[in-house]
């Protein structure tokens, strides 16, 4: 049995390993990664699929963006499923749960870059993205949207921008000072 639950801090390493397995290092070059970079995912919209043995076998996250000026939306991605379990409907379960939670939390639109034939079954289409563009290279026919609240993206135009909360970064100077305080004087960096 596989359980879908909210991601926790302790899932970080397993999630990153799964994403590396599914997408490799090229995942860091994608335009949508620029929208996620240095940001926190939307509260309550980072989900994982966990197998009975406790292993992480799926993940999906949604991120705050603007679909042009003054149009709040979410950007979905990445969605990943352990290759050994692909084709069994787990990706669909993760998508449906993420979209259900987004609706319940009051979000009105979701954007993504992905395989249109796969995402169309969840209601995504290209029409609402015609006057929107992303800050980098992407395949236009893969830029899709879903209105959770009908009419939300009507008239939306412009650049999709990250609007999510910034991820807190450790202060490098404090870390170096702490490391030097615990290192004998002969071994301290010059």
Protein backbone atom coordinates (compact mmCIF):
# COMPACT_ATOMS: atom_id res chain seq x y z
CA UNK A 1 0.00 0.00 0.00
CA UNK A 2 1.24 3.49 -0.87
CA UNK A 3 0.35 6.50 1.25
CA UNK A 4 0.27 10.08 -0.01
CA UNK A 5 1.18 12.57 2.69
CA UNK A 6 2.61 16.03 3.16
CA UNK A 7 6.36 16.20 2.70
CA UNK A 8 8.49 16.62 5.81
CA UNK A 9 11.99 17.99 6.33
CA UNK A 10 13.32 14.44 6.77
CA UNK A 11 12.21 13.59 3.19
CA UNK A 12 14.78 15.94 1.65
CA UNK A 13 17.51 13.41 0.78
CA UNK A 14 15.08 10.77 -0.51
CA UNK A 15 13.18 13.35 -2.59
CA UNK A 16 16.37 14.69 -4.15
CA UNK A 17 17.58 11.15 -4.91
CA UNK A 18 14.25 10.33 -6.58
CA UNK A 19 14.38 13.52 -8.67
CA UNK A 20 17.98 12.71 -9.68
CA UNK A 21 16.89 9.22 -10.73
CA UNK A 22 13.93 10.50 -12.74
CA UNK A 23 15.43 13.63 -14.32
CA UNK A 24 19.19 13.61 -13.79
CA UNK A 25 21.28 16.76 -13.49
CA UNK A 26 19.45 18.38 -16.44
CA UNK A 27 16.59 19.16 -14.05
CA UNK A 28 18.59 22.09 -12.70
CA UNK A 29 18.77 23.68 -16.16
CA UNK A 30 15.01 23.93 -16.72
CA UNK A 31 13.26 27.29 -16.86
CA UNK A 32 10.78 26.25 -14.16
CA UNK A 33 13.71 25.59 -11.85
CA UNK A 34 14.52 29.32 -12.07
CA UNK A 35 11.02 30.03 -10.71
CA UNK A 36 11.58 27.61 -7.80
CA UNK A 37 15.17 28.56 -7.04
CA UNK A 38 15.62 29.99 -3.56
CA UNK A 39 11.88 29.82 -2.83
CA UNK A 40 9.74 27.72 -0.54
CA UNK A 41 6.96 25.63 -2.06
CA UNK A 42 3.39 26.71 -1.36
CA UNK A 43 2.31 25.82 2.18
CA UNK A 44 0.58 22.42 2.32
CA UNK A 45 1.30 21.64 -1.33
CA UNK A 46 4.46 19.53 -1.16
CA UNK A 47 3.38 15.91 -1.27
CA UNK A 48 5.19 12.60 -1.26
CA UNK A 49 4.14 9.03 -1.88
CA UNK A 50 5.50 6.60 0.66
CA UNK A 51 5.66 2.82 0.25
CA UNK A 52 4.85 0.42 3.09
CA UNK A 53 8.57 -0.02 3.77
CA UNK A 54 8.92 3.74 4.36
CA UNK A 55 10.68 4.47 1.07
CA UNK A 56 9.75 7.59 -0.85
CA UNK A 57 8.40 6.58 -4.27
CA UNK A 58 6.77 9.78 -5.55
CA UNK A 59 6.80 13.54 -5.13
CA UNK A 60 4.97 16.63 -6.35
CA UNK A 61 5.25 20.27 -5.32
CA UNK A 62 3.43 23.49 -6.17
CA UNK A 63 4.97 26.96 -6.02
CA UNK A 64 3.58 30.51 -5.84
CA UNK A 65 3.90 32.50 -9.09
CA UNK A 66 2.12 35.33 -10.83
CA UNK A 67 0.52 34.57 -14.20
CA UNK A 68 1.29 38.06 -15.42
CA UNK A 69 0.94 41.16 -13.23
CA UNK A 70 -1.47 40.80 -10.34
CA UNK A 71 -2.60 37.25 -11.18
CA UNK A 72 -1.68 34.78 -8.42
CA UNK A 73 -1.26 31.20 -9.54
CA UNK A 74 0.69 28.08 -8.71
CA UNK A 75 3.43 26.39 -10.75
CA UNK A 76 3.37 22.61 -10.49
CA UNK A 77 6.55 20.63 -10.59
CA UNK A 78 8.37 18.52 -10.55
CA UNK A 79 6.13 15.48 -10.47
CA UNK A 80 8.18 12.30 -10.17
CA UNK A 81 7.47 8.61 -9.57
CA UNK A 82 10.00 5.85 -8.94
CA UNK A 83 10.68 4.28 -12.36
CA UNK A 84 9.85 0.82 -10.95
CA UNK A 85 6.30 2.04 -10.20
CA UNK A 86 5.61 4.15 -13.29
CA UNK A 87 2.52 3.19 -15.26
CA UNK A 88 0.58 2.10 -12.16
CA UNK A 89 -1.34 5.36 -11.67
CA UNK A 90 0.72 6.78 -8.81
CA UNK A 91 1.50 10.00 -10.71
CA UNK A 92 -2.23 10.48 -11.29
CA UNK A 93 -2.95 9.95 -7.59
CA UNK A 94 -0.34 12.55 -6.65
CA UNK A 95 -1.74 15.02 -9.21
CA UNK A 96 -5.35 14.60 -8.10
CA UNK A 97 -4.40 15.00 -4.44
CA UNK A 98 -2.25 18.08 -5.12
CA UNK A 99 -5.03 19.72 -7.16
CA UNK A 100 -7.67 18.83 -4.55
CA UNK A 101 -5.57 20.41 -1.79
CA UNK A 102 -4.83 23.49 -3.92
CA UNK A 103 -8.59 23.98 -4.46
CA UNK A 104 -9.31 23.51 -0.75
CA UNK A 105 -6.63 26.06 0.13
CA UNK A 106 -8.32 28.61 -2.13
CA UNK A 107 -5.89 28.67 -5.05
CA UNK A 108 -7.46 29.49 -8.40
CA UNK A 109 -5.01 28.43 -11.15
CA UNK A 110 -2.13 26.03 -11.76
CA UNK A 111 0.52 26.32 -14.49
CA UNK A 112 3.06 23.74 -15.56
CA UNK A 113 5.44 22.74 -18.32
CA UNK A 114 4.86 19.11 -19.23
CA UNK A 115 3.55 16.48 -21.58
CA UNK A 116 0.16 17.75 -22.83
CA UNK A 117 -1.38 14.30 -23.48
CA UNK A 118 -0.59 13.28 -19.88
CA UNK A 119 -1.80 16.47 -18.18
CA UNK A 120 -4.93 16.98 -20.31
CA UNK A 121 -6.65 14.20 -18.35
CA UNK A 122 -6.49 16.47 -15.29
CA UNK A 123 -7.99 19.42 -17.20
CA UNK A 124 -4.80 21.22 -18.25
CA UNK A 125 -4.67 22.90 -21.67
CA UNK A 126 -2.64 25.42 -23.64
CA UNK A 127 -5.40 28.00 -24.24
CA UNK A 128 -4.96 29.95 -21.00
CA UNK A 129 -1.18 30.30 -21.52
CA UNK A 130 -1.34 31.88 -25.01
CA UNK A 131 -0.54 35.40 -23.75
CA UNK A 132 1.84 34.27 -20.98
CA UNK A 133 5.53 33.50 -21.23
CA UNK A 134 8.23 32.06 -19.01
CA UNK A 135 11.62 33.64 -18.15
CA UNK A 136 13.76 31.31 -20.24
CA UNK A 137 13.60 28.61 -22.89
CA UNK A 138 10.67 26.18 -22.94
CA UNK A 139 8.57 24.33 -25.48
CA UNK A 140 5.45 26.44 -26.06
CA UNK A 141 3.16 23.44 -26.63
CA UNK A 142 4.16 22.07 -23.20
CA UNK A 143 3.21 25.25 -21.29
CA UNK A 144 -0.20 24.37 -19.82
CA UNK A 145 -2.72 25.76 -17.34
CA UNK A 146 -5.70 24.64 -15.31
CA UNK A 147 -8.21 27.06 -13.84
CA UNK A 148 -9.36 25.76 -10.47
CA UNK A 149 -11.76 28.70 -10.43
CA UNK A 150 -13.25 29.26 -13.92
CA UNK A 151 -12.25 32.56 -15.53
CA UNK A 152 -9.20 33.11 -13.31
CA UNK A 153 -6.78 33.30 -16.23
CA UNK A 154 -9.13 35.07 -18.63
CA UNK A 155 -7.12 38.00 -20.01
CA UNK A 156 -3.92 36.90 -18.25
CA UNK A 157 -0.88 38.15 -20.11
CA UNK A 158 2.75 38.79 -19.41
CA UNK A 159 5.71 37.15 -17.75
CA UNK A 160 5.23 34.38 -15.21
CA UNK A 161 7.24 35.37 -12.14
CA UNK A 162 8.10 33.71 -8.85
CA UNK A 163 6.23 35.21 -5.91
CA UNK A 164 6.74 32.59 -3.22
CA UNK A 165 8.40 33.13 0.09
CA UNK A 166 12.20 33.07 0.03
CA UNK A 167 13.88 30.06 1.59
CA UNK A 168 15.95 31.01 4.60
CA UNK A 169 19.63 30.50 3.88
CA UNK A 170 22.26 29.89 6.53
CA UNK A 171 24.59 32.82 7.18
CA UNK A 172 27.96 31.69 5.78
CA UNK A 173 29.94 34.03 8.04
CA UNK A 174 28.26 32.55 11.13
CA UNK A 175 28.93 28.99 9.92
CA UNK A 176 32.61 29.74 9.23
CA UNK A 177 33.03 31.45 12.62
CA UNK A 178 31.39 28.50 14.37
CA UNK A 179 33.60 26.03 12.49
CA UNK A 180 36.75 28.05 13.33
CA UNK A 181 35.72 28.28 17.00
CA UNK A 182 35.74 24.46 17.16
CA UNK A 183 38.99 24.01 15.22
CA UNK A 184 42.42 24.09 16.88
CA UNK A 185 44.41 27.26 15.94
CA UNK A 186 46.95 25.31 13.83
CA UNK A 187 44.16 24.07 11.53
CA UNK A 188 42.22 27.31 11.03
CA UNK A 189 41.88 28.70 7.53
CA UNK A 190 43.99 31.75 6.82
